[in-house]
Amino acid sequence: MQTADKCNQDQLQQCKQKAGCCIDSAKDTLFALSKDIWSCAELAYEEKQSHDILVRFFTETEKGWSVESHYKLDTAFRATWGPTGGNAGGDTLNIGFLCEYDALPGIGHACGHNLIAEVGAAAAVGMKGALEPLVDPPVRVTVTVIGTPAEEEGGGKIDLIEAGGFEGLDLVFMAHPSQEDAAYLPDMAEDDVTVKYYGKASHAAAYPWEGINALDAAVLAYNNLSVLRQQLKPDWRLHGIIKHGGVKPNIIPAFSELVFYLRTPKRRDLPFLREKAEQCFRSAAMATGCRVELQYGPHEYHNILLNKTLTRLYEENGKALGIEFTTDEQVLNTPSGSTDFGNLSFVVPGIHPYFYIGTEALNHTEEYTAAAGSDKAQFFTLRTAKTLVMTALDVLFNPELLKQVKEDFHLSKLKEECEVTGRENGSGPGQWGGAASASR
């Protein structure tokens, strides 16, 4: 048994080395892929060129993949390799790598989604390259790449979940650019709301008393929310803009519009924050005599479930490649962004680590856009892809680890569901703690 285990471990290490070599061999084409996506910088659900670039990569540049363009969504795709190894009639382990590729309005790839696409593609190339030469892989395995559009706006992964786009996957892997390396950051649950006030236009100087000022309602609502922050938990967030406030100073505004994001560390707290925010919006309408409409976004983003086993394996493999993971408690526990990967983490066991790209610039800035398209980011991006593959290979070669991953997944889900049930039975938000930190 010890000899068999040693052979298995030797084969695992050889596969990890082979994966790294395959990624290094493809580094020029991977950089070209990333740069092409960076250059076209398309918004959510409009990533037509980026979709085509990735489809061509898996049909023309890389061979052996079965590719479905426009998979479930117009700008999503799926590429699969396998199954290979094991018993033809036995269970197949389906390992998924995810690509994102939507950009931000005005500043392009300021969140580095071109690098997310590159990491997903590179990891898939490395995984296939490591497994292809094996005469007898430890289990029957399929490698799947799914292109997931619209992370910044709308929630493409949630659309794909609802369309059955992730059915059959056993594990999912992706990584997100940041200012540091972290195997896990607790991204927040999020909902967005558009608020529209309808008043009555009138001449602002001649007879303002005939008007109903929709801008006043927007300003009141904005100030109501600013005052509300004093009464919120330290790790709850709400922030927004007045998108429309009138057309001319001498016309009482008949229409105004705000857009706000509401965030809490856990999805269970969102209804409480939503209720408080709605009171602020509706009271402003009542005070000004305006009519108000509230329109929530198509999807609520969930917090990411922590998978302790995958997180530990990612850290171990990353350290072996020289990654220095942050130990800064402020970084690890301070609320940050939100991602639709959170919803997927409730459906399939997975990991969503963060990686340094060679700059101290902050996400969603012009400086980060430049860094995401630079040569300097390549070393860190490919190192992250290698770490993901090594983590996936660990689970593939060790059935006990796969069992632990699935157990972590079920326990994390159970904990969330029990806490939600507790809330529904009357527990208030004051009885629950939590901390948090992606893209949106």
Protein backbone atom coordinates (compact mmCIF):
# COMPACT_ATOMS: atom_id res chain seq x y z
CA MET A 1 0.00 0.00 0.00
CA GLN A 2 2.83 2.41 0.89
CA THR A 3 4.50 1.67 -2.43
CA ALA A 4 1.27 2.35 -4.29
CA ASP A 5 0.78 5.59 -2.35
CA LYS A 6 4.34 6.66 -3.13
CA CYS A 7 3.82 5.93 -6.83
CA ASN A 8 0.63 7.95 -6.72
CA GLN A 9 2.42 10.88 -5.08
CA ASP A 10 5.28 10.68 -7.56
CA GLN A 11 2.78 10.78 -10.41
CA LEU A 12 1.02 13.75 -8.80
CA GLN A 13 4.26 15.72 -8.55
CA GLN A 14 5.12 14.89 -12.16
CA CYS A 15 1.68 16.10 -13.24
CA LYS A 16 2.13 19.37 -11.35
CA GLN A 17 5.49 19.94 -13.03
CA LYS A 18 4.05 19.05 -16.43
CA ALA A 19 1.16 21.46 -15.94
CA GLY A 20 3.55 24.28 -15.14
CA CYS A 21 5.67 23.49 -18.20
CA CYS A 22 2.60 23.46 -20.45
CA ILE A 23 1.49 26.86 -19.14
CA ASP A 24 4.99 28.28 -19.62
CA SER A 25 5.12 26.91 -23.17
CA ALA A 26 1.85 28.68 -23.98
CA LYS A 27 2.74 31.98 -22.26
CA ASP A 28 2.99 34.02 -25.48
CA THR A 29 -0.37 32.90 -26.82
CA LEU A 30 -1.93 33.35 -23.38
CA PHE A 31 -0.61 36.90 -23.14
CA ALA A 32 -1.93 37.60 -26.64
CA LEU A 33 -5.32 36.27 -25.56
CA SER A 34 -5.37 38.49 -22.48
CA LYS A 35 -4.15 41.55 -24.40
CA ASP A 36 -6.78 41.13 -27.13
CA ILE A 37 -9.54 40.99 -24.50
CA TRP A 38 -8.00 43.97 -22.68
CA SER A 39 -7.91 45.97 -25.91
CA CYS A 40 -11.58 45.51 -26.83
CA ALA A 41 -12.94 46.17 -23.28
CA GLU A 42 -16.64 45.30 -23.64
CA LEU A 43 -19.39 45.86 -21.09
CA ALA A 44 -21.63 43.25 -19.46
CA TYR A 45 -23.64 41.10 -21.89
CA GLU A 46 -21.93 42.88 -24.81
CA GLU A 47 -18.67 40.87 -24.78
CA LYS A 48 -19.05 39.63 -28.37
CA GLN A 49 -15.41 40.11 -29.41
CA SER A 50 -14.09 38.70 -26.14
CA HIS A 51 -16.36 35.67 -26.55
CA ASP A 52 -15.06 35.12 -30.07
CA ILE A 53 -11.42 35.55 -28.98
CA LEU A 54 -11.79 32.82 -26.35
CA VAL A 55 -13.74 30.50 -28.64
CA ARG A 56 -10.99 30.81 -31.26
CA PHE A 57 -8.38 30.09 -28.62
CA PHE A 58 -9.99 26.76 -27.74
CA THR A 59 -10.83 25.81 -31.32
CA GLU A 60 -7.79 27.02 -33.27
CA THR A 61 -4.86 27.80 -30.94
CA GLU A 62 -5.49 24.86 -28.58
CA LYS A 63 -6.48 21.50 -30.05
CA GLY A 64 -8.62 18.71 -28.67
CA TRP A 65 -11.38 20.79 -27.08
CA SER A 66 -15.08 20.45 -27.79
CA VAL A 67 -16.39 24.02 -27.86
CA GLU A 68 -19.92 25.37 -27.59
CA SER A 69 -20.15 29.05 -28.48
CA HIS A 70 -23.07 31.15 -27.20
CA TYR A 71 -23.54 28.61 -24.42
CA LYS A 72 -26.89 29.34 -22.68
CA LEU A 73 -26.15 33.08 -23.04
CA ASP A 74 -25.15 35.02 -26.14
CA THR A 75 -21.67 35.85 -24.84
CA ALA A 76 -20.99 32.72 -22.76
CA PHE A 77 -19.12 29.63 -24.01
CA ARG A 78 -18.14 26.16 -22.85
CA ALA A 79 -15.06 24.14 -23.81
CA THR A 80 -14.61 20.55 -22.66
CA TRP A 81 -11.82 17.99 -22.87
CA GLY A 82 -12.34 14.37 -21.91
CA PRO A 83 -13.48 12.29 -20.26
CA THR A 84 -10.26 10.36 -19.96
CA GLY A 85 -8.94 7.58 -17.68
CA GLY A 86 -10.70 5.35 -15.22
CA ASN A 87 -13.57 3.02 -16.03
CA ALA A 88 -15.67 4.06 -19.01
CA GLY A 89 -18.78 3.24 -17.01
CA GLY A 90 -17.51 4.72 -13.73
CA ASP A 91 -17.99 8.11 -12.15
CA THR A 92 -16.32 11.07 -13.85
CA LEU A 93 -14.81 13.98 -11.94
CA ASN A 94 -15.69 17.14 -13.87
CA ILE A 95 -13.30 19.98 -13.00
CA GLY A 96 -14.32 23.48 -14.12
CA PHE A 97 -12.23 26.59 -14.73
CA LEU A 98 -14.05 29.89 -15.18
CA CYS A 99 -13.28 32.89 -17.36
CA GLU A 100 -14.63 36.41 -16.89
CA TYR A 101 -14.11 39.11 -19.50
CA ASP A 102 -16.50 42.05 -19.05
CA ALA A 103 -15.06 45.53 -18.51
CA LEU A 104 -16.13 48.71 -16.72
CA PRO A 105 -17.72 51.74 -18.41
CA GLY A 106 -15.26 54.52 -19.11
CA ILE A 107 -12.13 52.87 -17.68
CA GLY A 108 -12.00 49.50 -19.42
CA HIS A 109 -10.46 46.51 -17.66
CA ALA A 110 -9.89 48.31 -14.38
CA CYS A 111 -10.78 45.12 -12.51
CA GLY A 112 -8.50 42.91 -14.59
CA HIS A 113 -11.13 40.56 -15.98
CA ASN A 114 -8.89 40.01 -19.00
CA LEU A 115 -6.50 38.37 -16.54
CA ILE A 116 -9.31 36.25 -15.07
CA ALA A 117 -9.97 34.97 -18.58
CA GLU A 118 -6.26 34.27 -19.01
CA VAL A 119 -6.01 32.43 -15.69
CA GLY A 120 -8.98 30.23 -16.61
CA ALA A 121 -7.60 29.45 -20.05
CA ALA A 122 -4.07 28.86 -18.74
CA ALA A 123 -5.27 26.55 -15.98
CA ALA A 124 -7.28 24.53 -18.49
CA VAL A 125 -4.26 24.25 -20.79
CA GLY A 126 -2.08 23.13 -17.88
CA MET A 127 -4.62 20.60 -16.62
CA LYS A 128 -5.10 19.04 -20.05
CA GLY A 129 -1.35 18.99 -20.66
CA ALA A 130 -0.71 17.25 -17.35
CA LEU A 131 -3.37 14.57 -17.81
CA GLU A 132 -3.07 13.88 -21.53
CA PRO A 133 0.14 11.79 -21.35
CA LEU A 134 -1.12 9.64 -18.46
CA VAL A 135 -1.85 6.06 -19.41
CA ASP A 136 -4.08 5.53 -16.41
CA PRO A 137 -5.27 8.67 -14.55
CA PRO A 138 -6.40 7.93 -10.98
CA VAL A 139 -10.05 8.63 -11.83
CA ARG A 140 -12.04 9.33 -14.95
CA VAL A 141 -11.87 13.09 -15.46
CA THR A 142 -13.28 15.84 -17.66
CA VAL A 143 -11.86 19.36 -17.84
CA THR A 144 -14.42 22.09 -18.52
CA VAL A 145 -13.94 25.79 -19.20
CA ILE A 146 -16.95 28.07 -18.92
CA GLY A 147 -16.91 31.65 -20.08
CA THR A 148 -19.10 33.64 -17.70
CA PRO A 149 -20.07 37.12 -18.91
CA ALA A 150 -21.54 40.07 -17.04
CA GLU A 151 -19.99 39.85 -13.59
CA GLU A 152 -19.84 43.62 -13.21
CA GLU A 153 -23.50 44.14 -14.04
CA GLY A 154 -26.40 41.72 -14.03
CA GLY A 155 -24.79 38.49 -12.82
CA GLY A 156 -23.98 36.22 -15.75
CA LYS A 157 -23.11 33.29 -13.48
CA ILE A 158 -26.56 33.52 -11.90
CA ASP A 159 -28.14 33.47 -15.37
CA LEU A 160 -26.09 30.37 -16.15
CA ILE A 161 -27.06 28.71 -12.86
CA GLU A 162 -30.74 29.27 -13.68
CA ALA A 163 -30.18 27.89 -17.19
CA GLY A 164 -28.44 24.75 -15.89
CA GLY A 165 -25.07 25.89 -17.23
CA PHE A 166 -23.05 24.41 -14.35
CA GLU A 167 -24.84 21.09 -14.07
CA GLY A 168 -22.45 18.14 -13.96
CA LEU A 169 -19.51 20.11 -12.56
CA ASP A 170 -17.92 18.75 -9.38
CA LEU A 171 -15.48 21.61 -8.68
CA VAL A 172 -15.03 25.16 -9.96
CA PHE A 173 -11.87 27.29 -9.92
CA MET A 174 -11.16 30.90 -10.79
CA ALA A 175 -9.01 33.74 -9.46
CA HIS A 176 -9.40 37.51 -9.31
CA PRO A 177 -6.74 40.25 -9.60
CA SER A 178 -6.11 42.39 -6.53
CA GLN A 179 -3.33 44.25 -4.67
CA GLU A 180 -2.23 41.17 -2.75
CA ASP A 181 -2.43 37.38 -2.73
CA ALA A 182 -5.19 35.88 -0.61
CA ALA A 183 -6.57 32.35 -0.83
CA TYR A 184 -9.94 33.59 0.44
CA LEU A 185 -11.61 36.93 1.08
CA PRO A 186 -15.19 36.99 2.36
CA ASP A 187 -16.91 38.91 -0.44
CA MET A 188 -20.20 40.50 0.47
CA ALA A 189 -23.77 39.76 -0.49
CA GLU A 190 -25.18 42.58 -2.63
CA ASP A 191 -28.39 43.89 -4.12
CA ASP A 192 -28.87 46.98 -6.25
CA VAL A 193 -31.90 49.22 -6.50
CA THR A 194 -32.93 51.97 -8.91
CA VAL A 195 -35.21 54.59 -7.36
CA LYS A 196 -37.30 56.90 -9.54
CA TYR A 197 -39.21 59.93 -8.28
CA TYR A 198 -41.98 61.53 -10.31
CA GLY A 199 -43.02 65.08 -9.56
CA LYS A 200 -44.43 67.97 -11.58
CA ALA A 201 -42.56 70.51 -13.69
CA SER A 202 -43.07 74.22 -13.26
CA HIS A 203 -41.16 77.48 -13.77
CA ALA A 204 -38.69 77.62 -10.90
CA ALA A 205 -38.78 81.45 -10.61
CA ALA A 206 -42.23 82.50 -11.81
CA TYR A 207 -44.45 79.93 -10.04
CA PRO A 208 -42.44 77.26 -8.22
CA TRP A 209 -45.42 76.55 -5.94
CA GLU A 210 -47.11 74.86 -8.88
CA GLY A 211 -44.34 72.28 -9.11
CA ILE A 212 -43.48 69.08 -7.24
CA ASN A 213 -39.72 68.80 -7.00
CA ALA A 214 -38.44 65.31 -7.79
CA LEU A 215 -34.85 66.42 -7.19
CA ASP A 216 -35.75 67.40 -3.65
CA ALA A 217 -37.00 63.85 -3.12
CA ALA A 218 -33.70 62.43 -4.44
CA VAL A 219 -31.65 64.74 -2.23
CA LEU A 220 -33.76 63.89 0.82
CA ALA A 221 -33.41 60.17 0.12
CA TYR A 222 -29.64 60.52 -0.30
CA ASN A 223 -29.39 62.39 2.99
CA ASN A 224 -31.70 59.91 4.72
CA LEU A 225 -29.34 57.10 3.75
CA SER A 226 -26.32 59.11 4.91
CA VAL A 227 -27.91 59.51 8.32
CA LEU A 228 -28.93 55.84 8.37
CA ARG A 229 -25.26 54.78 8.11
CA GLN A 230 -24.76 55.84 11.73
CA GLN A 231 -27.20 53.11 12.79
CA LEU A 232 -25.82 50.35 10.58
CA LYS A 233 -23.41 47.61 11.55
CA PRO A 234 -19.77 48.53 10.80
CA ASP A 235 -19.53 45.95 8.02
CA TRP A 236 -22.80 46.84 6.25
CA ARG A 237 -22.49 49.09 3.22
CA LEU A 238 -24.78 51.25 1.10
CA HIS A 239 -23.57 53.63 -1.57
CA GLY A 240 -25.01 55.22 -4.66
CA ILE A 241 -25.42 58.11 -7.05
CA ILE A 242 -28.03 60.56 -8.22
CA LYS A 243 -28.19 59.51 -11.85
CA HIS A 244 -30.74 62.09 -13.01
CA GLY A 245 -31.55 65.34 -11.27
CA GLY A 246 -33.29 67.57 -13.78
CA VAL A 247 -32.73 69.21 -17.13
CA LYS A 248 -32.45 72.97 -16.47
CA PRO A 249 -32.13 75.17 -13.37
CA ASN A 250 -35.27 77.18 -14.14
CA ILE A 251 -37.47 74.09 -14.41
CA ILE A 252 -38.69 72.32 -11.28
CA PRO A 253 -37.46 68.75 -11.91
CA ALA A 254 -40.36 66.43 -12.68
CA PHE A 255 -38.14 63.36 -12.57
CA SER A 256 -35.11 62.17 -10.65
CA GLU A 257 -33.32 58.84 -10.39
CA LEU A 258 -30.90 57.27 -7.94
CA VAL A 259 -28.99 54.00 -8.11
CA PHE A 260 -27.79 52.38 -4.88
CA TYR A 261 -25.89 49.22 -3.98
CA LEU A 262 -26.73 47.53 -0.69
CA ARG A 263 -24.18 45.12 0.82
CA THR A 264 -23.95 42.88 3.87
CA PRO A 265 -21.34 40.25 4.77
CA LYS A 266 -23.96 37.48 4.64
CA ARG A 267 -26.94 37.11 2.33
CA ARG A 268 -29.16 36.56 5.36
CA ASP A 269 -28.75 40.24 6.38
CA LEU A 270 -29.70 41.79 3.05
CA PRO A 271 -33.48 41.84 3.70
CA PHE A 272 -32.92 43.89 6.87
CA LEU A 273 -30.76 46.47 5.10
CA ARG A 274 -33.19 46.53 2.18
CA GLU A 275 -36.10 47.29 4.51
CA LYS A 276 -34.24 50.17 6.17
CA ALA A 277 -33.22 51.65 2.81
CA GLU A 278 -36.76 51.41 1.46
CA GLN A 279 -38.05 53.44 4.40
CA CYS A 280 -35.55 56.16 3.49
CA PHE A 281 -36.64 56.17 -0.16
CA ARG A 282 -40.38 56.16 0.55
CA SER A 283 -40.25 58.79 3.29
CA ALA A 284 -38.55 61.18 0.86
CA ALA A 285 -41.43 60.70 -1.56
CA MET A 286 -43.96 61.32 1.20
CA ALA A 287 -42.21 64.51 2.35
CA THR A 288 -42.11 66.03 -1.15
CA GLY A 289 -45.38 64.75 -2.57
CA CYS A 290 -43.65 62.75 -5.29
CA ARG A 291 -44.55 59.34 -6.58
CA VAL A 292 -41.76 56.76 -6.14
CA GLU A 293 -40.85 53.55 -7.95
CA LEU A 294 -38.26 51.06 -6.68
CA GLN A 295 -36.74 48.61 -9.15
CA TYR A 296 -34.34 45.98 -7.84
CA GLY A 297 -31.73 44.35 -10.06
CA PRO A 298 -32.43 41.02 -11.73
CA HIS A 299 -30.23 39.13 -9.27
CA GLU A 300 -29.04 39.33 -5.71
CA TYR A 301 -25.35 38.49 -5.29
CA HIS A 302 -24.51 36.10 -2.44
CA ASN A 303 -21.48 35.98 -0.19
CA ILE A 304 -18.84 33.37 -1.04
CA LEU A 305 -18.93 30.15 0.95
CA LEU A 306 -15.54 29.29 2.39
CA ASN A 307 -14.22 25.86 1.43
CA LYS A 308 -11.51 25.25 4.01
CA THR A 309 -9.93 22.28 2.24
CA LEU A 310 -9.56 24.00 -1.14
CA THR A 311 -8.32 27.17 0.54
CA ARG A 312 -5.66 25.25 2.47
CA LEU A 313 -4.53 23.36 -0.64
CA TYR A 314 -4.33 26.57 -2.65
CA GLU A 315 -2.15 28.21 0.00
CA GLU A 316 0.16 25.18 0.20
CA ASN A 317 0.62 25.06 -3.57
CA GLY A 318 0.99 28.81 -3.85
CA LYS A 319 3.71 28.90 -1.23
CA ALA A 320 5.52 26.15 -3.11
CA LEU A 321 5.59 28.50 -6.12
CA GLY A 322 6.79 31.44 -4.05
CA ILE A 323 3.50 33.24 -3.40
CA GLU A 324 3.57 35.33 -0.24
CA PHE A 325 0.00 35.43 1.03
CA THR A 326 -1.12 38.47 2.95
CA THR A 327 -1.43 38.20 6.71
CA ASP A 328 -2.84 41.72 7.06
CA GLU A 329 -5.97 41.35 9.22
CA GLN A 330 -7.44 44.53 7.79
CA VAL A 331 -7.21 43.15 4.27
CA LEU A 332 -8.51 39.73 5.31
CA ASN A 333 -11.48 41.06 7.29
CA THR A 334 -12.43 44.47 5.89
CA PRO A 335 -15.56 44.54 3.69
CA SER A 336 -14.84 45.02 0.01
CA GLY A 337 -16.66 44.00 -3.18
CA SER A 338 -19.19 41.44 -4.33
CA THR A 339 -19.27 38.80 -7.05
CA ASP A 340 -21.75 36.46 -8.68
CA PHE A 341 -19.30 33.66 -7.89
CA GLY A 342 -20.86 33.84 -4.45
CA ASN A 343 -24.09 32.40 -5.85
CA LEU A 344 -22.15 29.65 -7.60
CA SER A 345 -20.37 28.77 -4.36
CA PHE A 346 -23.78 27.69 -3.01
CA VAL A 347 -24.23 25.35 -6.01
CA VAL A 348 -20.79 23.77 -6.65
CA PRO A 349 -17.74 23.51 -4.34
CA GLY A 350 -15.15 25.98 -5.51
CA ILE A 351 -12.49 28.57 -4.79
CA HIS A 352 -12.12 32.25 -5.73
CA PRO A 353 -8.67 33.41 -4.55
CA TYR A 354 -7.16 36.84 -5.20
CA PHE A 355 -3.78 37.51 -6.76
CA TYR A 356 -1.25 40.33 -6.91
CA ILE A 357 -0.44 41.58 -10.43
CA GLY A 358 2.66 43.69 -9.70
CA THR A 359 1.05 47.00 -8.79
CA GLU A 360 -0.18 48.79 -5.69
CA ALA A 361 -2.86 50.54 -7.75
CA LEU A 362 -6.44 49.97 -6.61
CA ASN A 363 -9.07 48.14 -8.62
CA HIS A 364 -11.53 50.30 -10.58
CA THR A 365 -8.93 52.96 -11.35
CA GLU A 366 -7.22 53.96 -14.60
CA GLU A 367 -3.89 52.89 -13.10
CA TYR A 368 -5.21 49.37 -12.55
CA THR A 369 -6.44 49.26 -16.14
CA ALA A 370 -2.90 49.95 -17.34
CA ALA A 371 -1.45 47.35 -14.96
CA ALA A 372 -3.91 44.66 -16.12
CA GLY A 373 -2.68 45.05 -19.70
CA SER A 374 1.03 45.18 -18.85
CA ASP A 375 3.81 42.63 -19.34
CA LYS A 376 4.55 42.81 -15.62
CA ALA A 377 1.22 41.22 -14.70
CA GLN A 378 2.01 38.07 -16.70
CA PHE A 379 4.33 36.37 -14.24
CA PHE A 380 1.81 36.69 -11.42
CA THR A 381 -1.14 35.69 -13.60
CA LEU A 382 0.48 32.48 -14.85
CA ARG A 383 1.75 31.62 -11.39
CA THR A 384 -1.83 31.86 -10.15
CA ALA A 385 -3.04 29.58 -12.97
CA LYS A 386 -0.40 27.02 -12.01
CA THR A 387 -1.53 27.16 -8.38
CA LEU A 388 -5.13 26.50 -9.38
CA VAL A 389 -4.10 23.47 -11.46
CA MET A 390 -1.92 22.09 -8.68
CA THR A 391 -4.85 22.41 -6.27
CA ALA A 392 -7.17 20.64 -8.69
CA LEU A 393 -4.62 17.86 -9.19
CA ASP A 394 -4.33 17.34 -5.44
CA VAL A 395 -8.06 16.66 -5.26
CA LEU A 396 -7.99 14.50 -8.38
CA PHE A 397 -5.23 12.25 -7.02
CA ASN A 398 -6.57 11.98 -3.48
CA PRO A 399 -10.14 10.69 -3.03
CA GLU A 400 -10.02 11.61 0.66
CA LEU A 401 -9.40 15.25 -0.23
CA LEU A 402 -12.33 15.24 -2.63
CA LYS A 403 -14.47 13.84 0.17
CA GLN A 404 -13.29 16.65 2.50
CA VAL A 405 -14.03 19.30 -0.14
CA LYS A 406 -17.57 18.03 -0.54
CA GLU A 407 -18.02 17.80 3.22
CA ASP A 408 -16.82 21.40 3.66
CA PHE A 409 -19.29 22.48 1.00
CA HIS A 410 -22.25 20.77 2.62
CA LEU A 411 -21.35 21.98 6.12
CA SER A 412 -20.95 25.60 4.96
CA LYS A 413 -24.29 25.48 3.19
CA LEU A 414 -25.96 23.89 6.20
CA LYS A 415 -24.59 26.59 8.50
CA GLU A 416 -25.93 29.35 6.23
CA GLU A 417 -29.32 27.70 5.92
CA CYS A 418 -29.60 27.20 9.68
CA GLU A 419 -28.74 30.84 10.29
CA VAL A 420 -31.32 31.98 7.74
CA THR A 421 -33.92 29.76 9.42
CA GLY A 422 -33.01 31.31 12.75
CA ARG A 423 -33.64 34.76 11.32
CA GLU A 424 -36.99 33.74 9.89
CA ASN A 425 -37.98 32.49 13.34
CA GLY A 426 -37.50 35.93 14.80
CA SER A 427 -33.82 36.53 15.46
CA GLY A 428 -32.83 40.09 14.61
CA PRO A 429 -29.69 41.30 12.85
CA GLY A 430 -28.24 42.52 16.11
CA GLN A 431 -27.67 38.92 17.22
CA TRP A 432 -25.41 38.06 14.33
CA GLY A 433 -21.81 38.97 13.70
CA GLY A 434 -19.76 38.72 10.54
CA ALA A 435 -17.03 40.25 8.48
CA ALA A 436 -16.39 40.51 4.76
CA SER A 437 -14.51 41.37 0.97
CA ALA A 438 -14.32 41.14 -5.64
CA SER A 439 -15.11 42.96 -8.32
CA ARG A 440 -18.50 44.59 -8.33
